[in-house]
Amino acid sequence: MNGQIWIWIVVAIVVIVVIVVIAILFGRRAKAAVDRRRAADLRERARTDAAGAHEHSARAARAEADALRAENEAERLRNEVAERQEAADKADRISKERLRQAEALDPDAGNAPDERNGRDERNGRDEGNDRNVDSRSGLRHGRRED
């Protein structure tokens, strides 16, 4: 009996070892399957995040392009304003020069208002402070608008 017990003990140990080995193998396979599913989920999330990042990048690029277009438009408008102002200044200079030429040619130019102090000597009106002057007495009357 003694030998038979030892055989049963050895068989039981072998069976237990085989069961443990099988359990370990199945456990590893199950863990590998779980890890594969988790990795697939992470890859899918990474693709989604990459697509979102790409979309954000595209929006940023569009915003930058819009900003550049706006800057270019603003620069164009500044140039247009400068050109128009230059044209207006030129027209003003030409107009003033023509007025000077007309004053120089006009024989009645001595009756023109004195542009230095804003006073019109013909009607006694002081253009600078909008009060009337009586030409006989030299007294000012009327109301002053300041």
N, C-alpha and C. Protein backbone atom coordinates (compact mmCIF):
# COMPACT_ATOMS: atom_id res chain seq x y z
N MET A 1 0.78 -1.17 0.00
CA MET A 1 0.00 0.00 0.00
C MET A 1 0.83 1.24 0.00
N ASN A 2 1.89 1.08 0.57
CA ASN A 2 2.78 2.20 0.68
C ASN A 2 3.20 2.73 -0.69
N GLY A 3 3.47 1.85 -1.60
CA GLY A 3 3.89 2.25 -2.94
C GLY A 3 2.74 2.85 -3.73
N GLN A 4 1.57 2.29 -3.48
CA GLN A 4 0.41 2.79 -4.16
C GLN A 4 0.05 4.19 -3.70
N ILE A 5 0.21 4.50 -2.48
CA ILE A 5 -0.09 5.84 -1.96
C ILE A 5 0.87 6.85 -2.60
N TRP A 6 2.10 6.43 -2.68
CA TRP A 6 3.08 7.34 -3.30
C TRP A 6 2.73 7.59 -4.78
N ILE A 7 2.26 6.63 -5.45
CA ILE A 7 1.88 6.80 -6.85
C ILE A 7 0.71 7.77 -6.93
N TRP A 8 -0.28 7.57 -6.04
CA TRP A 8 -1.43 8.48 -6.03
C TRP A 8 -1.00 9.90 -5.67
N ILE A 9 -0.10 10.03 -4.78
CA ILE A 9 0.39 11.36 -4.39
C ILE A 9 1.10 12.01 -5.59
N VAL A 10 1.94 11.24 -6.27
CA VAL A 10 2.65 11.76 -7.43
C VAL A 10 1.66 12.11 -8.54
N VAL A 11 0.67 11.26 -8.77
CA VAL A 11 -0.33 11.52 -9.79
C VAL A 11 -1.11 12.80 -9.42
N ALA A 12 -1.48 12.93 -8.14
CA ALA A 12 -2.22 14.11 -7.69
C ALA A 12 -1.38 15.37 -7.89
N ILE A 13 -0.11 15.30 -7.59
CA ILE A 13 0.79 16.46 -7.76
C ILE A 13 0.90 16.80 -9.24
N VAL A 14 1.03 15.78 -10.08
CA VAL A 14 1.14 16.01 -11.52
C VAL A 14 -0.16 16.65 -12.03
N VAL A 15 -1.30 16.12 -11.57
CA VAL A 15 -2.59 16.67 -12.00
C VAL A 15 -2.71 18.12 -11.53
N ILE A 16 -2.32 18.39 -10.31
CA ILE A 16 -2.38 19.76 -9.78
C ILE A 16 -1.45 20.67 -10.59
N VAL A 17 -0.26 20.22 -10.90
CA VAL A 17 0.69 21.01 -11.69
C VAL A 17 0.12 21.26 -13.09
N VAL A 18 -0.47 20.25 -13.69
CA VAL A 18 -1.06 20.41 -15.02
C VAL A 18 -2.20 21.43 -14.96
N ILE A 19 -3.05 21.31 -13.92
CA ILE A 19 -4.16 22.26 -13.76
C ILE A 19 -3.63 23.67 -13.58
N VAL A 20 -2.60 23.83 -12.77
CA VAL A 20 -2.01 25.16 -12.54
C VAL A 20 -1.42 25.70 -13.83
N VAL A 21 -0.71 24.86 -14.58
CA VAL A 21 -0.12 25.29 -15.85
C VAL A 21 -1.22 25.70 -16.83
N ILE A 22 -2.28 24.88 -16.90
CA ILE A 22 -3.39 25.20 -17.80
C ILE A 22 -4.04 26.53 -17.35
N ALA A 23 -4.24 26.70 -16.08
CA ALA A 23 -4.85 27.93 -15.56
C ALA A 23 -3.97 29.14 -15.89
N ILE A 24 -2.68 28.97 -15.73
CA ILE A 24 -1.76 30.07 -16.04
C ILE A 24 -1.81 30.40 -17.53
N LEU A 25 -1.80 29.38 -18.38
CA LEU A 25 -1.86 29.60 -19.82
C LEU A 25 -3.15 30.30 -20.22
N PHE A 26 -4.29 29.81 -19.70
CA PHE A 26 -5.56 30.44 -20.01
C PHE A 26 -5.63 31.85 -19.44
N GLY A 27 -5.08 32.03 -18.28
CA GLY A 27 -5.04 33.37 -17.66
C GLY A 27 -4.23 34.35 -18.51
N ARG A 28 -3.10 33.86 -19.00
CA ARG A 28 -2.28 34.73 -19.86
C ARG A 28 -3.01 35.05 -21.16
N ARG A 29 -3.66 34.04 -21.72
CA ARG A 29 -4.40 34.28 -22.96
C ARG A 29 -5.55 35.28 -22.71
N ALA A 30 -6.24 35.09 -21.60
CA ALA A 30 -7.35 35.99 -21.28
C ALA A 30 -6.81 37.40 -21.05
N LYS A 31 -5.69 37.49 -20.32
CA LYS A 31 -5.09 38.80 -20.08
C LYS A 31 -4.63 39.42 -21.39
N ALA A 32 -4.06 38.62 -22.28
CA ALA A 32 -3.62 39.12 -23.59
C ALA A 32 -4.82 39.61 -24.40
N ALA A 33 -5.93 38.87 -24.32
CA ALA A 33 -7.14 39.30 -25.05
C ALA A 33 -7.65 40.62 -24.48
N VAL A 34 -7.68 40.73 -23.17
CA VAL A 34 -8.12 41.98 -22.53
C VAL A 34 -7.18 43.12 -22.92
N ASP A 35 -5.88 42.85 -22.89
CA ASP A 35 -4.90 43.87 -23.26
C ASP A 35 -5.07 44.29 -24.72
N ARG A 36 -5.37 43.32 -25.59
CA ARG A 36 -5.60 43.64 -27.00
C ARG A 36 -6.81 44.56 -27.16
N ARG A 37 -7.90 44.23 -26.43
CA ARG A 37 -9.10 45.08 -26.51
C ARG A 37 -8.82 46.48 -25.98
N ARG A 38 -8.10 46.57 -24.87
CA ARG A 38 -7.74 47.89 -24.32
C ARG A 38 -6.85 48.66 -25.29
N ALA A 39 -5.92 47.96 -25.91
CA ALA A 39 -5.03 48.61 -26.89
C ALA A 39 -5.84 49.10 -28.10
N ALA A 40 -6.80 48.29 -28.54
CA ALA A 40 -7.64 48.70 -29.67
C ALA A 40 -8.46 49.94 -29.29
N ASP A 41 -9.00 49.94 -28.07
CA ASP A 41 -9.76 51.11 -27.60
C ASP A 41 -8.86 52.35 -27.55
N LEU A 42 -7.65 52.18 -27.03
CA LEU A 42 -6.72 53.31 -26.96
C LEU A 42 -6.35 53.81 -28.35
N ARG A 43 -6.15 52.88 -29.29
CA ARG A 43 -5.84 53.29 -30.67
C ARG A 43 -7.00 54.07 -31.28
N GLU A 44 -8.22 53.60 -31.03
CA GLU A 44 -9.40 54.30 -31.56
C GLU A 44 -9.50 55.70 -30.95
N ARG A 45 -9.28 55.80 -29.65
CA ARG A 45 -9.28 57.13 -29.01
C ARG A 45 -8.19 58.02 -29.58
N ALA A 46 -7.03 57.42 -29.82
CA ALA A 46 -5.91 58.18 -30.39
C ALA A 46 -6.27 58.69 -31.78
N ARG A 47 -6.94 57.85 -32.59
CA ARG A 47 -7.37 58.30 -33.92
C ARG A 47 -8.38 59.43 -33.81
N THR A 48 -9.32 59.29 -32.89
CA THR A 48 -10.32 60.34 -32.68
C THR A 48 -9.65 61.63 -32.22
N ASP A 49 -8.73 61.50 -31.28
CA ASP A 49 -8.01 62.69 -30.79
C ASP A 49 -7.18 63.31 -31.91
N ALA A 50 -6.56 62.47 -32.73
CA ALA A 50 -5.76 62.99 -33.84
C ALA A 50 -6.64 63.72 -34.84
N ALA A 51 -7.83 63.17 -35.10
CA ALA A 51 -8.75 63.84 -36.01
C ALA A 51 -9.19 65.18 -35.42
N GLY A 52 -9.49 65.20 -34.12
CA GLY A 52 -9.85 66.45 -33.45
C GLY A 52 -8.71 67.45 -33.48
N ALA A 53 -7.49 66.95 -33.24
CA ALA A 53 -6.33 67.84 -33.28
C ALA A 53 -6.13 68.38 -34.69
N HIS A 54 -6.33 67.54 -35.67
CA HIS A 54 -6.20 67.98 -37.07
C HIS A 54 -7.25 69.05 -37.38
N GLU A 55 -8.47 68.83 -36.89
CA GLU A 55 -9.54 69.82 -37.11
C GLU A 55 -9.20 71.14 -36.43
N HIS A 56 -8.70 71.07 -35.20
CA HIS A 56 -8.30 72.30 -34.49
C HIS A 56 -7.17 73.00 -35.23
N SER A 57 -6.23 72.21 -35.74
CA SER A 57 -5.12 72.78 -36.49
C SER A 57 -5.61 73.46 -37.76
N ALA A 58 -6.57 72.83 -38.43
CA ALA A 58 -7.13 73.43 -39.65
C ALA A 58 -7.87 74.73 -39.31
N ARG A 59 -8.61 74.73 -38.21
CA ARG A 59 -9.30 75.96 -37.80
C ARG A 59 -8.30 77.07 -37.49
N ALA A 60 -7.23 76.70 -36.81
CA ALA A 60 -6.19 77.69 -36.49
C ALA A 60 -5.56 78.24 -37.77
N ALA A 61 -5.32 77.37 -38.73
CA ALA A 61 -4.74 77.82 -40.00
C ALA A 61 -5.70 78.74 -40.73
N ARG A 62 -7.01 78.40 -40.71
CA ARG A 62 -8.00 79.28 -41.35
C ARG A 62 -8.06 80.62 -40.63
N ALA A 63 -8.01 80.60 -39.30
CA ALA A 63 -8.04 81.85 -38.54
C ALA A 63 -6.81 82.70 -38.85
N GLU A 64 -5.66 82.05 -38.97
CA GLU A 64 -4.44 82.78 -39.31
C GLU A 64 -4.55 83.38 -40.71
N ALA A 65 -5.09 82.60 -41.65
CA ALA A 65 -5.27 83.11 -43.01
C ALA A 65 -6.25 84.28 -43.02
N ASP A 66 -7.32 84.17 -42.23
CA ASP A 66 -8.29 85.27 -42.13
C ASP A 66 -7.62 86.51 -41.55
N ALA A 67 -6.79 86.31 -40.53
CA ALA A 67 -6.09 87.44 -39.92
C ALA A 67 -5.15 88.10 -40.92
N LEU A 68 -4.44 87.29 -41.69
CA LEU A 68 -3.54 87.85 -42.70
C LEU A 68 -4.32 88.62 -43.77
N ARG A 69 -5.47 88.05 -44.18
CA ARG A 69 -6.30 88.76 -45.16
C ARG A 69 -6.78 90.09 -44.57
N ALA A 70 -7.18 90.07 -43.30
CA ALA A 70 -7.65 91.31 -42.66
C ALA A 70 -6.51 92.33 -42.56
N GLU A 71 -5.32 91.86 -42.22
CA GLU A 71 -4.17 92.76 -42.16
C GLU A 71 -3.88 93.35 -43.53
N ASN A 72 -3.93 92.51 -44.56
CA ASN A 72 -3.68 93.01 -45.92
C ASN A 72 -4.75 94.01 -46.33
N GLU A 73 -5.99 93.72 -46.00
CA GLU A 73 -7.09 94.64 -46.33
C GLU A 73 -6.91 95.96 -45.57
N ALA A 74 -6.52 95.87 -44.31
CA ALA A 74 -6.30 97.09 -43.53
C ALA A 74 -5.15 97.90 -44.12
N GLU A 75 -4.10 97.23 -44.54
CA GLU A 75 -2.97 97.93 -45.15
C GLU A 75 -3.40 98.58 -46.46
N ARG A 76 -4.20 97.85 -47.25
CA ARG A 76 -4.71 98.41 -48.50
C ARG A 76 -5.56 99.65 -48.22
N LEU A 77 -6.41 99.56 -47.21
CA LEU A 77 -7.26 100.70 -46.87
C LEU A 77 -6.43 101.88 -46.36
N ARG A 78 -5.38 101.58 -45.56
CA ARG A 78 -4.50 102.66 -45.09
C ARG A 78 -3.83 103.35 -46.27
N ASN A 79 -3.38 102.55 -47.24
CA ASN A 79 -2.76 103.13 -48.44
C ASN A 79 -3.77 103.95 -49.22
N GLU A 80 -4.99 103.44 -49.33
CA GLU A 80 -6.03 104.18 -50.05
C GLU A 80 -6.34 105.50 -49.35
N VAL A 81 -6.41 105.46 -48.03
CA VAL A 81 -6.66 106.68 -47.26
C VAL A 81 -5.52 107.67 -47.47
N ALA A 82 -4.30 107.17 -47.44
CA ALA A 82 -3.15 108.06 -47.64
C ALA A 82 -3.19 108.68 -49.03
N GLU A 83 -3.53 107.87 -50.04
CA GLU A 83 -3.62 108.41 -51.40
C GLU A 83 -4.72 109.45 -51.52
N ARG A 84 -5.86 109.15 -50.92
CA ARG A 84 -6.97 110.11 -50.98
C ARG A 84 -6.64 111.39 -50.22
N GLN A 85 -5.98 111.25 -49.08
CA GLN A 85 -5.60 112.43 -48.31
C GLN A 85 -4.58 113.25 -49.09
N GLU A 86 -3.65 112.56 -49.74
CA GLU A 86 -2.66 113.25 -50.56
C GLU A 86 -3.34 113.99 -51.70
N ALA A 87 -4.32 113.33 -52.33
CA ALA A 87 -5.06 113.98 -53.42
C ALA A 87 -5.85 115.17 -52.90
N ALA A 88 -6.45 115.03 -51.71
CA ALA A 88 -7.20 116.15 -51.12
C ALA A 88 -6.26 117.30 -50.78
N ASP A 89 -5.11 116.98 -50.22
CA ASP A 89 -4.13 118.03 -49.90
C ASP A 89 -3.66 118.72 -51.17
N LYS A 90 -3.43 117.95 -52.22
CA LYS A 90 -2.99 118.53 -53.49
C LYS A 90 -4.07 119.44 -54.06
N ALA A 91 -5.33 118.96 -54.02
CA ALA A 91 -6.43 119.78 -54.51
C ALA A 91 -6.56 121.05 -53.68
N ASP A 92 -6.37 120.95 -52.37
CA ASP A 92 -6.43 122.13 -51.50
C ASP A 92 -5.31 123.11 -51.84
N ARG A 93 -4.11 122.59 -52.05
CA ARG A 93 -2.98 123.47 -52.42
C ARG A 93 -3.24 124.16 -53.75
N ILE A 94 -3.76 123.39 -54.71
CA ILE A 94 -4.06 123.97 -56.02
C ILE A 94 -5.12 125.05 -55.89
N SER A 95 -6.16 124.75 -55.11
CA SER A 95 -7.23 125.72 -54.89
C SER A 95 -6.71 126.99 -54.25
N LYS A 96 -5.89 126.85 -53.22
CA LYS A 96 -5.34 128.03 -52.54
C LYS A 96 -4.43 128.83 -53.49
N GLU A 97 -3.65 128.10 -54.29
CA GLU A 97 -2.78 128.79 -55.23
C GLU A 97 -3.60 129.55 -56.26
N ARG A 98 -4.67 128.95 -56.74
CA ARG A 98 -5.53 129.63 -57.70
C ARG A 98 -6.20 130.85 -57.07
N LEU A 99 -6.59 130.73 -55.80
CA LEU A 99 -7.17 131.89 -55.11
C LEU A 99 -6.13 133.01 -54.99
N ARG A 100 -4.90 132.66 -54.67
CA ARG A 100 -3.84 133.68 -54.58
C ARG A 100 -3.63 134.35 -55.94
N GLN A 101 -3.62 133.50 -56.99
CA GLN A 101 -3.45 134.06 -58.33
C GLN A 101 -4.61 134.98 -58.69
N ALA A 102 -5.82 134.58 -58.33
CA ALA A 102 -6.99 135.41 -58.60
C ALA A 102 -6.91 136.72 -57.83
N GLU A 103 -6.48 136.69 -56.59
CA GLU A 103 -6.34 137.90 -55.78
C GLU A 103 -5.28 138.82 -56.38
N ALA A 104 -4.21 138.19 -56.90
CA ALA A 104 -3.14 139.00 -57.49
C ALA A 104 -3.62 139.67 -58.77
N LEU A 105 -4.51 139.02 -59.51
CA LEU A 105 -5.00 139.59 -60.75
C LEU A 105 -6.18 140.55 -60.56
N ASP A 106 -6.92 140.41 -59.50
CA ASP A 106 -8.14 141.17 -59.27
C ASP A 106 -7.80 142.61 -58.89
N PRO A 107 -8.28 143.61 -59.65
CA PRO A 107 -7.99 145.01 -59.30
C PRO A 107 -8.73 145.44 -58.03
N ASP A 108 -9.79 144.75 -57.68
CA ASP A 108 -10.52 145.08 -56.47
C ASP A 108 -10.04 144.26 -55.28
N ALA A 109 -8.89 143.63 -55.38
CA ALA A 109 -8.40 142.75 -54.33
C ALA A 109 -8.18 143.47 -53.02
N GLY A 110 -7.99 144.79 -53.05
CA GLY A 110 -7.80 145.54 -51.81
C GLY A 110 -9.04 145.54 -50.95
N ASN A 111 -10.21 145.28 -51.51
CA ASN A 111 -11.45 145.24 -50.76
C ASN A 111 -11.74 143.85 -50.20
N ALA A 112 -10.87 142.91 -50.47
CA ALA A 112 -11.09 141.54 -50.01
C ALA A 112 -10.85 141.46 -48.51
N PRO A 113 -11.48 140.53 -47.85
CA PRO A 113 -11.25 140.39 -46.40
C PRO A 113 -9.79 140.12 -46.11
N ASP A 114 -9.32 140.68 -45.03
CA ASP A 114 -7.95 140.46 -44.60
C ASP A 114 -7.88 139.08 -43.95
N GLU A 115 -7.20 138.15 -44.60
CA GLU A 115 -7.17 136.77 -44.12
C GLU A 115 -6.32 136.61 -42.87
N ARG A 116 -5.49 137.61 -42.55
CA ARG A 116 -4.62 137.46 -41.40
C ARG A 116 -5.38 137.57 -40.09
N ASN A 117 -6.37 138.43 -39.99
CA ASN A 117 -7.07 138.56 -38.72
C ASN A 117 -8.55 138.24 -38.82
N GLY A 118 -9.03 137.81 -39.99
CA GLY A 118 -10.40 137.38 -40.14
C GLY A 118 -11.38 138.54 -40.15
N ARG A 119 -10.95 139.75 -40.39
CA ARG A 119 -11.83 140.91 -40.34
C ARG A 119 -12.15 141.37 -41.74
N ASP A 120 -13.43 141.56 -42.02
CA ASP A 120 -13.90 142.05 -43.31
C ASP A 120 -14.08 143.55 -43.16
N GLU A 121 -13.20 144.32 -43.78
CA GLU A 121 -13.20 145.78 -43.63
C GLU A 121 -14.37 146.42 -44.36
N ARG A 122 -14.93 145.73 -45.37
CA ARG A 122 -16.00 146.34 -46.15
C ARG A 122 -17.29 146.47 -45.35
N ASN A 123 -17.64 145.45 -44.54
CA ASN A 123 -18.92 145.53 -43.85
C ASN A 123 -18.76 145.68 -42.34
N GLY A 124 -17.53 145.81 -41.87
CA GLY A 124 -17.31 146.01 -40.45
C GLY A 124 -17.56 144.75 -39.63
N ARG A 125 -17.62 143.66 -40.27
CA ARG A 125 -17.91 142.42 -39.56
C ARG A 125 -16.60 141.73 -39.18
N ASP A 126 -16.51 141.37 -37.93
CA ASP A 126 -15.33 140.67 -37.43
C ASP A 126 -15.64 139.18 -37.48
N GLU A 127 -15.02 138.49 -38.45
CA GLU A 127 -15.30 137.08 -38.66
C GLU A 127 -14.79 136.23 -37.49
N GLY A 128 -13.81 136.71 -36.79
CA GLY A 128 -13.20 135.93 -35.71
C GLY A 128 -14.11 135.76 -34.52
N ASN A 129 -14.89 136.79 -34.15
CA ASN A 129 -15.73 136.64 -32.97
C ASN A 129 -17.21 136.88 -33.26
N ASP A 130 -17.60 137.05 -34.52
CA ASP A 130 -18.98 137.13 -34.97
C ASP A 130 -19.75 138.26 -34.27
N ARG A 131 -19.10 139.44 -34.12
CA ARG A 131 -19.81 140.62 -33.61
C ARG A 131 -19.75 141.70 -34.67
N ASN A 132 -20.78 142.49 -34.77
CA ASN A 132 -20.85 143.56 -35.77
C ASN A 132 -20.23 144.83 -35.21
N VAL A 133 -19.63 145.60 -36.13
CA VAL A 133 -19.02 146.88 -35.75
C VAL A 133 -19.74 147.97 -36.53
N ASP A 134 -20.18 148.97 -35.84
CA ASP A 134 -20.81 150.12 -36.50
C ASP A 134 -19.71 150.89 -37.19
N SER A 135 -19.81 151.02 -38.52
CA SER A 135 -18.74 151.63 -39.28
C SER A 135 -18.59 153.12 -38.95
N ARG A 136 -19.64 153.82 -38.51
CA ARG A 136 -19.54 155.24 -38.20
C ARG A 136 -18.90 155.47 -36.84
N SER A 137 -19.35 154.70 -35.83
CA SER A 137 -18.85 154.96 -34.48
C SER A 137 -17.71 154.03 -34.09
N GLY A 138 -17.59 152.88 -34.79
CA GLY A 138 -16.54 151.93 -34.44
C GLY A 138 -16.93 151.07 -33.24
N LEU A 139 -18.18 151.22 -32.75
CA LEU A 139 -18.63 150.44 -31.59
C LEU A 139 -19.13 149.07 -32.04
N ARG A 140 -18.84 148.14 -31.21
CA ARG A 140 -19.31 146.78 -31.49
C ARG A 140 -20.66 146.57 -30.83
N HIS A 141 -21.52 145.92 -31.53
CA HIS A 141 -22.81 145.55 -30.94
C HIS A 141 -23.22 144.19 -31.49
N GLY A 142 -24.24 143.62 -30.90
CA GLY A 142 -24.64 142.25 -31.28
C GLY A 142 -24.15 141.29 -30.22
N ARG A 143 -24.53 140.08 -30.36
CA ARG A 143 -24.12 139.12 -29.34
C ARG A 143 -22.93 138.32 -29.82
N ARG A 144 -22.16 137.96 -28.88
CA ARG A 144 -20.96 137.18 -29.17
C ARG A 144 -21.23 135.71 -28.88
N GLU A 145 -20.89 134.84 -29.80
CA GLU A 145 -21.10 133.41 -29.61
C GLU A 145 -19.74 132.75 -29.41
N ASP A 146 -19.48 132.38 -28.18
CA ASP A 146 -18.19 131.74 -27.87
C ASP A 146 -18.32 130.27 -27.74
